[in-house]
Amino acid sequence: MSEAPATTPEPGKNKNGWVRTVVDYGAAIAFGVTYFATKDFQKATWVLVAASGAALAIGFAVERRLALMPLFFGGMALIFGTLGLIFHSDVFVKIKVTVINLALAGFLFGGVLTNRQPLKVIMGEALHMPDAAWRTLSIRYGAYFAAVAVLNEIVRNTQGTDTWVKFRLGLLPLALVFVASQIPFIMKHMAKGDEAAATEPPDGGF
């Protein structure tokens, strides 16, 4: 999620918006396209690992920095994807969705319980809102991540690989819908001059 305050956009931020799209969604889309083109999970995993590394490299080369969340998601994709290739198993790529979303949910709920504002860390303080609003938003995001983790486990354990890949790709637009549903709340509580568009979809990536 964006690290730059919405009130002071970085030079070239809008011009390089495509970079964030590549970093956030390039590997996931490449994985899905490869899988359905070849029906080979291992080949798709090779593409996932390569695309994740390339996306991070492109993001750093163009923006000269790596935002916290893309770095985390990309790094996890590389780790779990590599494990899947080493052990010739699709479990690692599939379970990564559960692990990451549970970690994010735990981070957010833990922060709320300790009276902190954990979502500020994820969003890079791109928005300025009262603590009560941050707490509510953190709970909502935490609930979203927890629900995705549970759904992933249900689909992973009850459905075939084709269905799982479709489900995983379906999480991309679902994340957009979730963010859109939070915009009215954010606009109601954000400080004057901030932009709700500074928030990004809470997708755990591949």
Protein backbone atom coordinates (compact mmCIF):
# COMPACT_ATOMS: atom_id res chain seq x y z
CA MET A 1 0.00 0.00 0.00
CA SER A 2 1.11 3.49 -0.73
CA GLU A 3 3.77 5.00 1.54
CA ALA A 4 3.47 8.57 0.27
CA PRO A 5 0.96 10.95 1.89
CA ALA A 6 -1.89 11.66 -0.49
CA THR A 7 -1.49 15.37 0.09
CA THR A 8 2.07 15.39 -1.28
CA PRO A 9 2.30 12.97 -4.21
CA GLU A 10 5.75 11.83 -5.22
CA PRO A 11 7.08 13.17 -8.52
CA GLY A 12 6.15 10.78 -11.29
CA LYS A 13 3.83 8.80 -9.05
CA ASN A 14 0.88 8.95 -11.43
CA LYS A 15 3.11 8.47 -14.47
CA ASN A 16 4.55 5.30 -12.95
CA GLY A 17 1.22 3.98 -11.73
CA TRP A 18 1.56 1.03 -14.12
CA VAL A 19 4.57 -0.09 -12.10
CA ARG A 20 2.48 -0.63 -8.98
CA THR A 21 -0.03 -2.61 -11.04
CA VAL A 22 2.73 -4.85 -12.38
CA VAL A 23 4.23 -5.37 -8.93
CA ASP A 24 0.87 -6.04 -7.27
CA TYR A 25 -0.85 -8.19 -9.90
CA GLY A 26 1.63 -9.18 -12.60
CA ALA A 27 2.81 -12.42 -11.01
CA ALA A 28 -0.71 -13.55 -10.08
CA ILE A 29 -2.05 -12.99 -13.58
CA ALA A 30 1.00 -14.60 -15.21
CA PHE A 31 0.56 -17.64 -12.97
CA GLY A 32 -3.12 -18.00 -13.85
CA VAL A 33 -2.59 -17.57 -17.58
CA THR A 34 0.25 -20.11 -17.61
CA TYR A 35 -1.70 -22.65 -15.58
CA PHE A 36 -4.80 -22.58 -17.78
CA ALA A 37 -2.67 -22.57 -20.94
CA THR A 38 -0.60 -25.59 -19.89
CA LYS A 39 -2.61 -27.26 -17.11
CA ASP A 40 0.77 -27.76 -15.45
CA PHE A 41 1.03 -26.39 -11.92
CA GLN A 42 4.82 -26.76 -11.83
CA LYS A 43 5.29 -24.72 -15.00
CA ALA A 44 2.93 -22.10 -13.64
CA THR A 45 4.94 -22.03 -10.41
CA TRP A 46 8.15 -21.42 -12.38
CA VAL A 47 6.41 -18.48 -14.03
CA LEU A 48 5.18 -17.29 -10.65
CA VAL A 49 8.68 -17.25 -9.19
CA ALA A 50 10.19 -15.57 -12.24
CA ALA A 51 7.39 -13.01 -12.52
CA SER A 52 7.55 -12.19 -8.80
CA GLY A 53 11.28 -11.53 -9.00
CA ALA A 54 10.90 -9.51 -12.19
CA ALA A 55 8.06 -7.43 -10.75
CA LEU A 56 10.08 -6.50 -7.68
CA ALA A 57 13.11 -5.65 -9.83
CA ILE A 58 11.02 -3.47 -12.16
CA GLY A 59 9.37 -1.71 -9.22
CA PHE A 60 12.73 -0.93 -7.64
CA ALA A 61 14.34 0.13 -10.92
CA VAL A 62 11.55 2.58 -11.78
CA GLU A 63 10.59 3.92 -8.35
CA ARG A 64 13.98 3.45 -6.62
CA ARG A 65 12.21 1.93 -3.64
CA LEU A 66 10.15 -1.08 -2.65
CA ALA A 67 6.96 -0.38 -0.71
CA LEU A 68 6.47 -2.56 2.36
CA MET A 69 3.51 -4.64 1.22
CA PRO A 70 4.64 -5.40 -2.37
CA LEU A 71 8.03 -6.41 -0.95
CA PHE A 72 6.40 -8.67 1.62
CA PHE A 73 4.02 -10.30 -0.88
CA GLY A 74 6.68 -10.66 -3.55
CA GLY A 75 9.17 -12.12 -1.11
CA MET A 76 6.65 -14.65 0.16
CA ALA A 77 5.78 -15.62 -3.42
CA LEU A 78 9.45 -16.28 -4.10
CA ILE A 79 9.87 -18.33 -0.91
CA PHE A 80 6.73 -20.47 -1.22
CA GLY A 81 7.06 -20.79 -4.98
CA THR A 82 10.64 -22.01 -4.65
CA LEU A 83 9.60 -24.53 -1.99
CA GLY A 84 6.90 -25.80 -4.33
CA LEU A 85 9.46 -26.30 -7.09
CA ILE A 86 11.97 -28.02 -4.81
CA PHE A 87 9.42 -30.46 -3.39
CA HIS A 88 7.35 -30.74 -6.60
CA SER A 89 4.18 -29.92 -4.69
CA ASP A 90 1.34 -27.45 -5.23
CA VAL A 91 0.62 -27.28 -1.51
CA PHE A 92 3.14 -24.51 -0.82
CA VAL A 93 1.70 -22.08 -3.36
CA LYS A 94 -1.85 -22.85 -2.28
CA ILE A 95 -1.23 -22.61 1.44
CA LYS A 96 0.71 -19.35 1.08
CA VAL A 97 -2.60 -17.52 0.65
CA THR A 98 -3.71 -18.84 4.04
CA VAL A 99 -0.43 -18.09 5.79
CA ILE A 100 -0.16 -14.51 4.53
CA ASN A 101 -3.78 -13.59 5.18
CA LEU A 102 -3.70 -15.10 8.68
CA ALA A 103 -0.47 -13.19 9.39
CA LEU A 104 -2.05 -9.93 8.26
CA ALA A 105 -5.22 -10.60 10.24
CA GLY A 106 -3.17 -11.40 13.34
CA PHE A 107 -1.08 -8.26 12.86
CA LEU A 108 -4.17 -6.05 12.61
CA PHE A 109 -6.16 -7.65 15.43
CA GLY A 110 -3.07 -7.75 17.65
CA GLY A 111 -2.48 -4.07 17.03
CA VAL A 112 -6.06 -3.22 17.90
CA LEU A 113 -5.85 -5.22 21.14
CA THR A 114 -2.70 -3.35 22.15
CA ASN A 115 -4.26 0.04 21.34
CA ARG A 116 -2.04 0.67 18.35
CA GLN A 117 -2.95 1.67 14.79
CA PRO A 118 -1.52 -1.23 12.74
CA LEU A 119 -3.23 -0.22 9.49
CA LYS A 120 -1.17 2.98 9.47
CA VAL A 121 1.95 0.82 9.09
CA ILE A 122 0.46 -1.02 6.11
CA MET A 123 -0.85 2.13 4.45
CA GLY A 124 2.25 4.13 5.20
CA GLU A 125 0.15 6.82 6.91
CA ALA A 126 -1.26 7.83 3.54
CA LEU A 127 -4.48 8.82 5.30
CA HIS A 128 -5.06 10.90 8.39
CA MET A 129 -8.05 9.83 10.50
CA PRO A 130 -9.04 9.78 14.18
CA ASP A 131 -7.79 6.79 16.18
CA ALA A 132 -11.33 5.42 16.52
CA ALA A 133 -11.73 5.37 12.75
CA TRP A 134 -8.37 3.62 12.31
CA ARG A 135 -9.45 1.03 14.88
CA THR A 136 -12.69 0.32 13.01
CA LEU A 137 -10.91 0.13 9.67
CA SER A 138 -8.25 -2.18 11.12
CA ILE A 139 -10.95 -4.53 12.40
CA ARG A 140 -12.67 -4.54 9.00
CA TYR A 141 -9.44 -5.27 7.14
CA GLY A 142 -8.51 -7.91 9.70
CA ALA A 143 -11.88 -9.59 9.27
CA TYR A 144 -11.42 -9.54 5.48
CA PHE A 145 -8.00 -11.18 5.70
CA ALA A 146 -9.27 -13.80 8.15
CA ALA A 147 -12.25 -14.59 5.92
CA VAL A 148 -10.00 -15.01 2.87
CA ALA A 149 -7.75 -17.38 4.83
CA VAL A 150 -10.73 -19.52 5.86
CA LEU A 151 -12.18 -19.54 2.34
CA ASN A 152 -8.81 -20.53 0.90
CA GLU A 153 -8.57 -23.49 3.24
CA ILE A 154 -12.09 -24.60 2.35
CA VAL A 155 -11.44 -24.39 -1.38
CA ARG A 156 -7.94 -25.87 -1.11
CA ASN A 157 -9.16 -28.91 0.81
CA THR A 158 -12.44 -29.56 -1.00
CA GLN A 159 -11.87 -28.56 -4.62
CA GLY A 160 -9.50 -29.44 -7.45
CA THR A 161 -6.62 -27.34 -8.68
CA ASP A 162 -8.60 -25.77 -11.54
CA THR A 163 -11.19 -24.47 -9.10
CA TRP A 164 -8.54 -23.26 -6.68
CA VAL A 165 -6.73 -21.24 -9.36
CA LYS A 166 -10.05 -19.68 -10.44
CA PHE A 167 -10.80 -18.88 -6.81
CA ARG A 168 -7.37 -17.33 -6.32
CA LEU A 169 -7.72 -15.14 -9.40
CA GLY A 170 -11.22 -14.23 -8.23
CA LEU A 171 -9.72 -12.77 -5.07
CA LEU A 172 -8.22 -9.94 -7.16
CA PRO A 173 -11.56 -8.31 -8.09
CA LEU A 174 -12.93 -9.25 -4.65
CA ALA A 175 -10.20 -7.12 -3.07
CA LEU A 176 -11.22 -4.20 -5.28
CA VAL A 177 -14.84 -4.61 -4.21
CA PHE A 178 -13.84 -4.68 -0.55
CA VAL A 179 -11.82 -1.47 -0.86
CA ALA A 180 -14.68 0.23 -2.73
CA SER A 181 -17.02 -0.69 0.11
CA GLN A 182 -14.71 1.04 2.60
CA ILE A 183 -14.32 4.30 0.68
CA PRO A 184 -17.49 5.95 2.10
CA PHE A 185 -16.26 5.27 5.65
CA ILE A 186 -12.76 6.55 4.83
CA MET A 187 -14.09 9.70 3.16
CA LYS A 188 -16.29 10.39 6.14
CA HIS A 189 -13.40 10.31 8.62
CA MET A 190 -10.30 11.33 6.66
CA ALA A 191 -8.63 14.70 7.10
CA LYS A 192 -9.34 17.42 4.57
CA GLY A 193 -6.97 17.20 1.63
CA ASP A 194 -6.38 13.44 1.82
CA GLU A 195 -7.54 11.18 -0.98
CA ALA A 196 -9.39 7.90 -0.44
CA ALA A 197 -7.83 6.70 -3.69
CA ALA A 198 -4.52 6.45 -1.83
CA THR A 199 -5.68 3.13 -0.36
CA GLU A 200 -4.98 -0.05 -2.28
CA PRO A 201 -6.74 -3.42 -2.52
CA PRO A 202 -5.90 -5.77 0.37
CA ASP A 203 -4.79 -8.66 -1.81
CA GLY A 204 -2.21 -11.05 -0.47
CA GLY A 205 -0.83 -11.79 -3.92
CA PHE A 206 0.47 -15.15 -5.06
